[in-house]
């Protein structure tokens, strides 16, 4: 990834990223793994997952 002469702060501003640390993490992942490193791999709850009901609260 090249910054084309821009500072990290300028890139973050242009992309409307408020957390400069997050930009640095994404850049490191891109350097190590390419575009695949930017795929969101966080687990999401299943749509049909049943959540426990808090009994006795109304």
PDB file of N, CA and C in Angstrom:
ATOM      1  N   UNK A   1       0.852  -1.170   0.000  1.00  0.00           N
ATOM      2  CA  UNK A   1       0.000   0.000   0.000  1.00  0.00           C
ATOM      3  C   UNK A   1       0.894   1.227   0.000  1.00  0.00           C
ATOM      4  N   UNK A   2       0.624   2.121  -0.909  1.00  0.00           N
ATOM      5  CA  UNK A   2       1.388   3.353  -0.979  1.00  0.00           C
ATOM      6  C   UNK A   2       0.505   4.502  -0.559  1.00  0.00           C
ATOM      7  N   UNK A   3       1.111   5.460   0.100  1.00  0.00           N
ATOM      8  CA  UNK A   3       0.354   6.620   0.562  1.00  0.00           C
ATOM      9  C   UNK A   3       0.386   7.757  -0.452  1.00  0.00           C
ATOM     10  N   UNK A   4       1.133   7.569  -1.550  1.00  0.00           N
ATOM     11  CA  UNK A   4       1.235   8.582  -2.605  1.00  0.00           C
ATOM     12  C   UNK A   4       1.592   9.960  -2.054  1.00  0.00           C
ATOM     13  N   UNK A   5       2.572   9.987  -1.145  1.00  0.00           N
ATOM     14  CA  UNK A   5       3.056  11.246  -0.612  1.00  0.00           C
ATOM     15  C   UNK A   5       2.225  11.829   0.510  1.00  0.00           C
ATOM     16  N   UNK A   6       1.169  11.149   0.903  1.00  0.00           N
ATOM     17  CA  UNK A   6       0.311  11.644   1.977  1.00  0.00           C
ATOM     18  C   UNK A   6       0.780  11.067   3.306  1.00  0.00           C
ATOM     19  N   UNK A   7       0.568  11.809   4.364  1.00  0.00           N
ATOM     20  CA  UNK A   7       0.853  11.287   5.698  1.00  0.00           C
ATOM     21  C   UNK A   7      -0.312  10.377   6.111  1.00  0.00           C
ATOM     22  N   UNK A   8      -0.080   9.568   7.126  1.00  0.00           N
ATOM     23  CA  UNK A   8      -1.157   8.706   7.627  1.00  0.00           C
ATOM     24  C   UNK A   8      -2.318   9.556   8.131  1.00  0.00           C
ATOM     25  N   UNK A   9      -2.006  10.669   8.731  1.00  0.00           N
ATOM     26  CA  UNK A   9      -3.059  11.558   9.235  1.00  0.00           C
ATOM     27  C   UNK A   9      -3.903  12.105   8.079  1.00  0.00           C
ATOM     28  N   UNK A  10      -3.265  12.452   6.966  1.00  0.00           N
ATOM     29  CA  UNK A  10      -3.997  12.955   5.803  1.00  0.00           C
ATOM     30  C   UNK A  10      -4.875  11.860   5.190  1.00  0.00           C
ATOM     31  N   UNK A  11      -4.349  10.633   5.139  1.00  0.00           N
ATOM     32  CA  UNK A  11      -5.124   9.514   4.605  1.00  0.00           C
ATOM     33  C   UNK A  11      -6.334   9.258   5.492  1.00  0.00           C
ATOM     34  N   UNK A  12      -6.131   9.231   6.804  1.00  0.00           N
ATOM     35  CA  UNK A  12      -7.227   9.008   7.738  1.00  0.00           C
ATOM     36  C   UNK A  12      -8.303  10.083   7.565  1.00  0.00           C
ATOM     37  N   UNK A  13      -7.890  11.309   7.403  1.00  0.00           N
ATOM     38  CA  UNK A  13      -8.830  12.404   7.214  1.00  0.00           C
ATOM     39  C   UNK A  13      -9.596  12.247   5.900  1.00  0.00           C
ATOM     40  N   UNK A  14      -8.880  11.909   4.824  1.00  0.00           N
ATOM     41  CA  UNK A  14      -9.522  11.748   3.513  1.00  0.00           C
ATOM     42  C   UNK A  14     -10.537  10.609   3.521  1.00  0.00           C
ATOM     43  N   UNK A  15     -10.267   9.558   4.307  1.00  0.00           N
ATOM     44  CA  UNK A  15     -11.165   8.405   4.374  1.00  0.00           C
ATOM     45  C   UNK A  15     -12.163   8.508   5.530  1.00  0.00           C
ATOM     46  N   UNK A  16     -12.117   9.656   6.228  1.00  0.00           N
ATOM     47  CA  UNK A  16     -13.005   9.918   7.372  1.00  0.00           C
ATOM     48  C   UNK A  16     -12.870   8.837   8.447  1.00  0.00           C
ATOM     49  N   UNK A  17     -11.616   8.464   8.745  1.00  0.00           N
ATOM     50  CA  UNK A  17     -11.305   7.516   9.809  1.00  0.00           C
ATOM     51  C   UNK A  17     -10.809   8.338  10.986  1.00  0.00           C
ATOM     52  N   UNK A  18     -11.551   8.322  12.083  1.00  0.00           N
ATOM     53  CA  UNK A  18     -11.184   9.166  13.222  1.00  0.00           C
ATOM     54  C   UNK A  18     -10.068   8.557  14.069  1.00  0.00           C
ATOM     55  N   UNK A  19      -9.875   7.246  13.966  1.00  0.00           N
ATOM     56  CA  UNK A  19      -8.887   6.549  14.785  1.00  0.00           C
ATOM     57  C   UNK A  19      -7.650   6.225  13.951  1.00  0.00           C
ATOM     58  N   UNK A  20      -6.592   7.001  14.130  1.00  0.00           N
ATOM     59  CA  UNK A  20      -5.357   6.800  13.376  1.00  0.00           C
ATOM     60  C   UNK A  20      -4.757   5.427  13.665  1.00  0.00           C
ATOM     61  N   UNK A  21      -4.914   4.944  14.880  1.00  0.00           N
ATOM     62  CA  UNK A  21      -4.431   3.611  15.236  1.00  0.00           C
ATOM     63  C   UNK A  21      -5.103   2.530  14.411  1.00  0.00           C
ATOM     64  N   UNK A  22      -6.407   2.691  14.148  1.00  0.00           N
ATOM     65  CA  UNK A  22      -7.143   1.723  13.326  1.00  0.00           C
ATOM     66  C   UNK A  22      -6.586   1.703  11.915  1.00  0.00           C
ATOM     67  N   UNK A  23      -6.265   2.863  11.355  1.00  0.00           N
ATOM     68  CA  UNK A  23      -5.675   2.945  10.017  1.00  0.00           C
ATOM     69  C   UNK A  23      -4.345   2.193   9.992  1.00  0.00           C
ATOM     70  N   UNK A  24      -3.525   2.379  11.004  1.00  0.00           N
ATOM     71  CA  UNK A  24      -2.230   1.695  11.058  1.00  0.00           C
ATOM     72  C   UNK A  24      -2.408   0.179  11.088  1.00  0.00           C
ATOM     73  N   UNK A  25      -3.403  -0.301  11.842  1.00  0.00           N
ATOM     74  CA  UNK A  25      -3.681  -1.737  11.907  1.00  0.00           C
ATOM     75  C   UNK A  25      -4.095  -2.247  10.531  1.00  0.00           C
ATOM     76  N   UNK A  26      -4.992  -1.529   9.869  1.00  0.00           N
ATOM     77  CA  UNK A  26      -5.434  -1.947   8.532  1.00  0.00           C
ATOM     78  C   UNK A  26      -4.280  -1.954   7.540  1.00  0.00           C
ATOM     79  N   UNK A  27      -3.409  -0.962   7.622  1.00  0.00           N
ATOM     80  CA  UNK A  27      -2.257  -0.913   6.716  1.00  0.00           C
ATOM     81  C   UNK A  27      -1.333  -2.108   6.956  1.00  0.00           C
ATOM     82  N   UNK A  28      -1.109  -2.442   8.222  1.00  0.00           N
ATOM     83  CA  UNK A  28      -0.247  -3.582   8.542  1.00  0.00           C
ATOM     84  C   UNK A  28      -0.862  -4.887   8.017  1.00  0.00           C
ATOM     85  N   UNK A  29      -2.167  -5.062   8.204  1.00  0.00           N
ATOM     86  CA  UNK A  29      -2.838  -6.262   7.706  1.00  0.00           C
ATOM     87  C   UNK A  29      -2.771  -6.336   6.188  1.00  0.00           C
ATOM     88  N   UNK A  30      -2.912  -5.203   5.521  1.00  0.00           N
ATOM     89  CA  UNK A  30      -2.842  -5.176   4.064  1.00  0.00           C
ATOM     90  C   UNK A  30      -1.442  -5.557   3.584  1.00  0.00           C
ATOM     91  N   UNK A  31      -0.421  -5.032   4.249  1.00  0.00           N
ATOM     92  CA  UNK A  31       0.962  -5.381   3.872  1.00  0.00           C
ATOM     93  C   UNK A  31       1.234  -6.870   4.063  1.00  0.00           C
ATOM     94  N   UNK A  32       0.720  -7.445   5.133  1.00  0.00           N
ATOM     95  CA  UNK A  32       0.977  -8.850   5.446  1.00  0.00           C
ATOM     96  C   UNK A  32       0.158  -9.812   4.600  1.00  0.00           C
ATOM     97  N   UNK A  33      -1.126  -9.496   4.374  1.00  0.00           N
ATOM     98  CA  UNK A  33      -2.034 -10.464   3.772  1.00  0.00           C
ATOM     99  C   UNK A  33      -2.727  -9.994   2.494  1.00  0.00           C
ATOM    100  N   UNK A  34      -2.468  -8.768   2.069  1.00  0.00           N
ATOM    101  CA  UNK A  34      -3.149  -8.242   0.884  1.00  0.00           C
ATOM    102  C   UNK A  34      -4.601  -7.919   1.188  1.00  0.00           C
ATOM    103  N   UNK A  35      -5.414  -7.860   0.137  1.00  0.00           N
ATOM    104  CA  UNK A  35      -6.833  -7.501   0.324  1.00  0.00           C
ATOM    105  C   UNK A  35      -7.542  -8.459   1.256  1.00  0.00           C
ATOM    106  N   UNK A  36      -7.161  -9.726   1.257  1.00  0.00           N
ATOM    107  CA  UNK A  36      -7.806 -10.714   2.113  1.00  0.00           C
ATOM    108  C   UNK A  36      -7.622 -10.378   3.602  1.00  0.00           C
ATOM    109  N   UNK A  37      -6.548  -9.674   3.934  1.00  0.00           N
ATOM    110  CA  UNK A  37      -6.313  -9.291   5.312  1.00  0.00           C
ATOM    111  C   UNK A  37      -7.295  -8.250   5.826  1.00  0.00           C
ATOM    112  N   UNK A  38      -8.023  -7.623   4.916  1.00  0.00           N
ATOM    113  CA  UNK A  38      -8.978  -6.586   5.310  1.00  0.00           C
ATOM    114  C   UNK A  38     -10.399  -7.125   5.479  1.00  0.00           C
ATOM    115  N   UNK A  39     -10.593  -8.414   5.228  1.00  0.00           N
ATOM    116  CA  UNK A  39     -11.911  -9.016   5.388  1.00  0.00           C
ATOM    117  C   UNK A  39     -12.257  -9.074   6.874  1.00  0.00           C
ATOM    118  N   UNK A  40     -13.470  -8.669   7.190  1.00  0.00           N
ATOM    119  CA  UNK A  40     -13.945  -8.685   8.573  1.00  0.00           C
ATOM    120  C   UNK A  40     -14.196 -10.126   8.987  1.00  0.00           C
ATOM    121  N   UNK A  41     -13.449 -10.598   9.959  1.00  0.00           N
ATOM    122  CA  UNK A  41     -13.566 -11.992  10.394  1.00  0.00           C
ATOM    123  C   UNK A  41     -14.190 -12.116  11.790  1.00  0.00           C
ATOM    124  N   UNK A  42     -14.786 -11.030  12.260  1.00  0.00           N
ATOM    125  CA  UNK A  42     -15.462 -11.099  13.560  1.00  0.00           C
ATOM    126  C   UNK A  42     -16.659 -12.023  13.438  1.00  0.00           C
ATOM    127  N   UNK A  43     -16.911 -12.744  14.529  1.00  0.00           N
ATOM    128  CA  UNK A  43     -18.078 -13.633  14.551  1.00  0.00           C
ATOM    129  C   UNK A  43     -19.332 -12.817  14.824  1.00  0.00           C
ATOM    130  N   UNK A  44     -20.382 -13.182  14.129  1.00  0.00           N
ATOM    131  CA  UNK A  44     -21.667 -12.528  14.338  1.00  0.00           C
ATOM    132  C   UNK A  44     -22.644 -13.573  14.856  1.00  0.00           C
ATOM    133  N   UNK A  45     -23.558 -13.176  15.722  1.00  0.00           N
ATOM    134  CA  UNK A  45     -24.561 -14.140  16.201  1.00  0.00           C
ATOM    135  C   UNK A  45     -25.434 -14.607  15.039  1.00  0.00           C
ATOM    136  N   UNK A  46     -25.851 -15.845  15.115  1.00  0.00           N
ATOM    137  CA  UNK A  46     -26.751 -16.384  14.091  1.00  0.00           C
ATOM    138  C   UNK A  46     -28.082 -15.663  14.172  1.00  0.00           C
ATOM    139  N   UNK A  47     -28.724 -15.468  13.026  1.00  0.00           N
ATOM    140  CA  UNK A  47     -30.016 -14.781  12.989  1.00  0.00           C
ATOM    141  C   UNK A  47     -31.081 -15.535  13.779  1.00  0.00           C
ATOM    142  N   UNK A  48     -30.991 -16.863  13.816  1.00  0.00           N
ATOM    143  CA  UNK A  48     -32.021 -17.646  14.472  1.00  0.00           C
ATOM    144  C   UNK A  48     -31.640 -18.031  15.901  1.00  0.00           C
ATOM    145  N   UNK A  49     -30.622 -17.416  16.426  1.00  0.00           N
ATOM    146  CA  UNK A  49     -30.177 -17.733  17.781  1.00  0.00           C
ATOM    147  C   UNK A  49     -31.209 -17.226  18.794  1.00  0.00           C
ATOM    148  N   UNK A  50     -31.560 -18.084  19.736  1.00  0.00           N
ATOM    149  CA  UNK A  50     -32.527 -17.729  20.772  1.00  0.00           C
ATOM    150  C   UNK A  50     -31.765 -17.121  21.942  1.00  0.00           C
ATOM    151  N   UNK A  51     -32.173 -15.933  22.342  1.00  0.00           N
ATOM    152  CA  UNK A  51     -31.543 -15.256  23.468  1.00  0.00           C
ATOM    153  C   UNK A  51     -32.300 -15.598  24.742  1.00  0.00           C
ATOM    154  N   UNK A  52     -31.589 -15.740  25.849  1.00  0.00           N
ATOM    155  CA  UNK A  52     -32.272 -16.075  27.095  1.00  0.00           C
ATOM    156  C   UNK A  52     -33.190 -14.941  27.548  1.00  0.00           C
ATOM    157  N   UNK A  53     -34.325 -15.323  28.115  1.00  0.00           N
ATOM    158  CA  UNK A  53     -35.287 -14.346  28.621  1.00  0.00           C
ATOM    159  C   UNK A  53     -34.996 -14.103  30.090  1.00  0.00           C
ATOM    160  N   UNK A  54     -34.943 -12.850  30.483  1.00  0.00           N
ATOM    161  CA  UNK A  54     -34.698 -12.499  31.869  1.00  0.00           C
ATOM    162  C   UNK A  54     -36.021 -12.601  32.619  1.00  0.00           C
ATOM    163  N   UNK A  55     -36.192 -13.687  33.356  1.00  0.00           N
ATOM    164  CA  UNK A  55     -37.467 -13.941  34.041  1.00  0.00           C
ATOM    165  C   UNK A  55     -37.691 -12.942  35.175  1.00  0.00           C
ATOM    166  N   UNK A  56     -38.952 -12.553  35.358  1.00  0.00           N
ATOM    167  CA  UNK A  56     -39.329 -11.697  36.474  1.00  0.00           C
ATOM    168  C   UNK A  56     -39.068 -10.221  36.251  1.00  0.00           C
ATOM    169  N   UNK A  57     -38.619  -9.820  35.085  1.00  0.00           N
ATOM    170  CA  UNK A  57     -38.413  -8.380  34.868  1.00  0.00           C
ATOM    171  C   UNK A  57     -39.431  -7.883  33.866  1.00  0.00           C
ATOM    172  N   UNK A  58     -40.080  -6.806  34.217  1.00  0.00           N
ATOM    173  CA  UNK A  58     -41.072  -6.192  33.330  1.00  0.00           C
ATOM    174  C   UNK A  58     -40.960  -4.709  33.400  1.00  0.00           C
TER     175      UNK A  58
END
